[in-house]
Amino acid sequence: MTPRRAAALLALLLIPGMYLVTLVLALMDHPLTGSFLMASLFCSIVVPVFLYAFLLVIRYLKHRGEEGGKEGPGT
């Protein structure tokens, strides 16, 4: 399994799960519900950003590896 496919699968599992947890926590009546809800909302923003950044790094490293084997005009 490629890293890109693994990241996509992770996003497919994590993002809907986080939204479901956020919804359930919003409906609960517990003293810590506010803290859990804020943590869930934070993760709902941060996790997709990190996954996107991971995919950008993979793309950069892939293109860098392809260009590394070419002979430049100065060599």
N, C-alpha and C. Protein backbone atom coordinates (compact mmCIF):
# COMPACT_ATOMS: atom_id res chain seq x y z
N MET A 1 0.85 -1.17 0.00
CA MET A 1 0.00 0.00 0.00
C MET A 1 0.90 1.23 0.00
N THR A 2 0.61 2.15 -0.90
CA THR A 2 1.41 3.37 -0.99
C THR A 2 1.07 4.32 0.15
N PRO A 3 2.00 5.20 0.51
CA PRO A 3 1.72 6.17 1.58
C PRO A 3 0.53 7.07 1.25
N ARG A 4 0.38 7.41 -0.01
CA ARG A 4 -0.74 8.26 -0.42
C ARG A 4 -2.07 7.55 -0.21
N ARG A 5 -2.13 6.29 -0.57
CA ARG A 5 -3.35 5.52 -0.38
C ARG A 5 -3.65 5.31 1.10
N ALA A 6 -2.61 5.09 1.89
CA ALA A 6 -2.79 4.93 3.33
C ALA A 6 -3.32 6.21 3.96
N ALA A 7 -2.81 7.37 3.53
CA ALA A 7 -3.29 8.65 4.05
C ALA A 7 -4.75 8.87 3.65
N ALA A 8 -5.11 8.51 2.43
CA ALA A 8 -6.49 8.67 1.99
C ALA A 8 -7.43 7.76 2.79
N LEU A 9 -7.00 6.54 3.05
CA LEU A 9 -7.80 5.62 3.84
C LEU A 9 -7.95 6.12 5.27
N LEU A 10 -6.87 6.63 5.82
CA LEU A 10 -6.92 7.20 7.17
C LEU A 10 -7.90 8.37 7.23
N ALA A 11 -7.85 9.23 6.23
CA ALA A 11 -8.78 10.37 6.18
C ALA A 11 -10.22 9.88 6.03
N LEU A 12 -10.42 8.85 5.24
CA LEU A 12 -11.76 8.31 5.03
C LEU A 12 -12.35 7.75 6.32
N LEU A 13 -11.51 7.22 7.18
CA LEU A 13 -11.98 6.68 8.45
C LEU A 13 -12.07 7.73 9.55
N LEU A 14 -11.08 8.59 9.64
CA LEU A 14 -11.01 9.55 10.74
C LEU A 14 -12.01 10.70 10.63
N ILE A 15 -12.13 11.30 9.47
CA ILE A 15 -12.93 12.52 9.34
C ILE A 15 -14.40 12.27 9.63
N PRO A 16 -15.07 11.29 9.02
CA PRO A 16 -16.47 11.06 9.39
C PRO A 16 -16.62 10.64 10.85
N GLY A 17 -15.65 9.88 11.37
CA GLY A 17 -15.70 9.48 12.77
C GLY A 17 -15.63 10.68 13.71
N MET A 18 -14.78 11.63 13.37
CA MET A 18 -14.66 12.83 14.20
C MET A 18 -15.95 13.65 14.16
N TYR A 19 -16.59 13.73 12.99
CA TYR A 19 -17.85 14.47 12.90
C TYR A 19 -18.94 13.77 13.70
N LEU A 20 -18.96 12.47 13.68
CA LEU A 20 -19.94 11.72 14.47
C LEU A 20 -19.71 11.92 15.96
N VAL A 21 -18.46 11.87 16.38
CA VAL A 21 -18.14 12.10 17.79
C VAL A 21 -18.53 13.52 18.20
N THR A 22 -18.28 14.49 17.33
CA THR A 22 -18.65 15.87 17.62
C THR A 22 -20.15 16.00 17.80
N LEU A 23 -20.92 15.35 16.95
CA LEU A 23 -22.38 15.40 17.05
C LEU A 23 -22.86 14.75 18.34
N VAL A 24 -22.33 13.59 18.67
CA VAL A 24 -22.75 12.89 19.89
C VAL A 24 -22.39 13.72 21.12
N LEU A 25 -21.18 14.30 21.13
CA LEU A 25 -20.76 15.10 22.28
C LEU A 25 -21.60 16.37 22.42
N ALA A 26 -22.04 16.92 21.31
CA ALA A 26 -22.88 18.12 21.38
C ALA A 26 -24.23 17.81 22.00
N LEU A 27 -24.69 16.59 21.90
CA LEU A 27 -26.00 16.21 22.43
C LEU A 27 -25.95 15.65 23.84
N MET A 28 -24.76 15.36 24.35
CA MET A 28 -24.63 14.77 25.68
C MET A 28 -24.78 15.82 26.78
N ASP A 29 -25.19 15.35 27.95
CA ASP A 29 -25.28 16.23 29.12
C ASP A 29 -24.33 15.69 30.18
N HIS A 30 -23.10 16.20 30.17
CA HIS A 30 -22.05 15.75 31.08
C HIS A 30 -21.18 16.97 31.40
N PRO A 31 -20.59 17.04 32.58
CA PRO A 31 -19.77 18.21 32.93
C PRO A 31 -18.58 18.45 32.00
N LEU A 32 -18.02 17.41 31.44
CA LEU A 32 -16.86 17.55 30.56
C LEU A 32 -17.22 17.64 29.08
N THR A 33 -18.50 17.71 28.78
CA THR A 33 -18.93 17.73 27.38
C THR A 33 -18.32 18.90 26.62
N GLY A 34 -18.26 20.08 27.25
CA GLY A 34 -17.70 21.25 26.58
C GLY A 34 -16.25 21.05 26.20
N SER A 35 -15.47 20.48 27.10
CA SER A 35 -14.05 20.23 26.81
C SER A 35 -13.89 19.19 25.70
N PHE A 36 -14.67 18.11 25.78
CA PHE A 36 -14.61 17.08 24.74
C PHE A 36 -15.05 17.63 23.39
N LEU A 37 -16.07 18.46 23.39
CA LEU A 37 -16.57 19.05 22.14
C LEU A 37 -15.50 19.95 21.52
N MET A 38 -14.85 20.77 22.33
CA MET A 38 -13.81 21.64 21.81
C MET A 38 -12.63 20.83 21.27
N ALA A 39 -12.25 19.76 21.95
CA ALA A 39 -11.17 18.90 21.47
C ALA A 39 -11.55 18.23 20.15
N SER A 40 -12.80 17.80 20.06
CA SER A 40 -13.27 17.16 18.83
C SER A 40 -13.30 18.15 17.67
N LEU A 41 -13.76 19.36 17.92
CA LEU A 41 -13.77 20.38 16.87
C LEU A 41 -12.34 20.75 16.45
N PHE A 42 -11.43 20.84 17.41
CA PHE A 42 -10.04 21.11 17.10
C PHE A 42 -9.46 20.03 16.19
N CYS A 43 -9.72 18.77 16.55
CA CYS A 43 -9.22 17.65 15.73
C CYS A 43 -9.88 17.62 14.36
N SER A 44 -11.12 18.06 14.27
CA SER A 44 -11.82 18.10 12.98
C SER A 44 -11.16 19.09 12.03
N ILE A 45 -10.46 20.05 12.57
CA ILE A 45 -9.75 21.01 11.72
C ILE A 45 -8.30 20.59 11.51
N VAL A 46 -7.64 20.17 12.56
CA VAL A 46 -6.20 19.91 12.51
C VAL A 46 -5.86 18.62 11.75
N VAL A 47 -6.61 17.57 11.94
CA VAL A 47 -6.29 16.29 11.29
C VAL A 47 -6.34 16.39 9.76
N PRO A 48 -7.40 16.96 9.16
CA PRO A 48 -7.37 17.10 7.69
C PRO A 48 -6.22 17.98 7.19
N VAL A 49 -5.87 19.02 7.94
CA VAL A 49 -4.76 19.88 7.54
C VAL A 49 -3.45 19.09 7.55
N PHE A 50 -3.23 18.30 8.60
CA PHE A 50 -2.02 17.48 8.65
C PHE A 50 -2.00 16.42 7.55
N LEU A 51 -3.14 15.82 7.25
CA LEU A 51 -3.18 14.83 6.17
C LEU A 51 -2.88 15.49 4.82
N TYR A 52 -3.41 16.69 4.61
CA TYR A 52 -3.14 17.41 3.37
C TYR A 52 -1.65 17.76 3.27
N ALA A 53 -1.07 18.21 4.38
CA ALA A 53 0.35 18.52 4.40
C ALA A 53 1.19 17.27 4.13
N PHE A 54 0.78 16.13 4.69
CA PHE A 54 1.47 14.87 4.45
C PHE A 54 1.45 14.52 2.96
N LEU A 55 0.31 14.71 2.32
CA LEU A 55 0.21 14.43 0.88
C LEU A 55 1.07 15.38 0.07
N LEU A 56 1.16 16.65 0.48
CA LEU A 56 2.03 17.60 -0.22
C LEU A 56 3.50 17.20 -0.09
N VAL A 57 3.90 16.74 1.08
CA VAL A 57 5.29 16.31 1.29
C VAL A 57 5.58 15.09 0.43
N ILE A 58 4.66 14.16 0.37
CA ILE A 58 4.85 12.97 -0.48
C ILE A 58 5.01 13.38 -1.93
N ARG A 59 4.17 14.31 -2.41
CA ARG A 59 4.26 14.77 -3.80
C ARG A 59 5.60 15.46 -4.05
N TYR A 60 6.05 16.30 -3.10
CA TYR A 60 7.32 16.99 -3.25
C TYR A 60 8.49 16.00 -3.30
N LEU A 61 8.49 15.04 -2.40
CA LEU A 61 9.58 14.08 -2.36
C LEU A 61 9.58 13.18 -3.60
N LYS A 62 8.41 12.88 -4.11
CA LYS A 62 8.32 12.06 -5.32
C LYS A 62 8.93 12.79 -6.51
N HIS A 63 8.57 14.06 -6.68
CA HIS A 63 9.11 14.84 -7.79
C HIS A 63 10.60 15.12 -7.60
N ARG A 64 11.02 15.31 -6.37
CA ARG A 64 12.42 15.54 -6.08
C ARG A 64 13.25 14.31 -6.41
N GLY A 65 12.71 13.13 -6.11
CA GLY A 65 13.41 11.89 -6.42
C GLY A 65 13.52 11.64 -7.92
N GLU A 66 12.50 12.05 -8.67
CA GLU A 66 12.54 11.87 -10.12
C GLU A 66 13.56 12.80 -10.76
N GLU A 67 13.68 14.01 -10.23
CA GLU A 67 14.63 14.99 -10.79
C GLU A 67 16.06 14.72 -10.34
N GLY A 68 16.25 14.01 -9.24
CA GLY A 68 17.58 13.76 -8.70
C GLY A 68 18.45 12.88 -9.60
N GLY A 69 17.84 12.04 -10.42
CA GLY A 69 18.60 11.13 -11.27
C GLY A 69 19.01 11.74 -12.59
N LYS A 70 18.51 12.93 -12.92
CA LYS A 70 18.82 13.55 -14.20
C LYS A 70 20.15 14.28 -14.12
N GLU A 71 20.84 14.29 -15.23
CA GLU A 71 22.10 15.03 -15.33
C GLU A 71 21.78 16.49 -15.61
N GLY A 72 22.39 17.37 -14.86
CA GLY A 72 22.19 18.80 -15.07
C GLY A 72 23.14 19.32 -16.12
N PRO A 73 22.91 20.55 -16.61
CA PRO A 73 23.78 21.11 -17.66
C PRO A 73 25.18 21.42 -17.13
N GLY A 74 25.34 21.63 -15.82
CA GLY A 74 26.65 21.97 -15.28
C GLY A 74 27.50 20.76 -14.92
N THR A 75 26.97 19.55 -15.05
CA THR A 75 27.75 18.37 -14.65
C THR A 75 28.17 17.55 -15.83
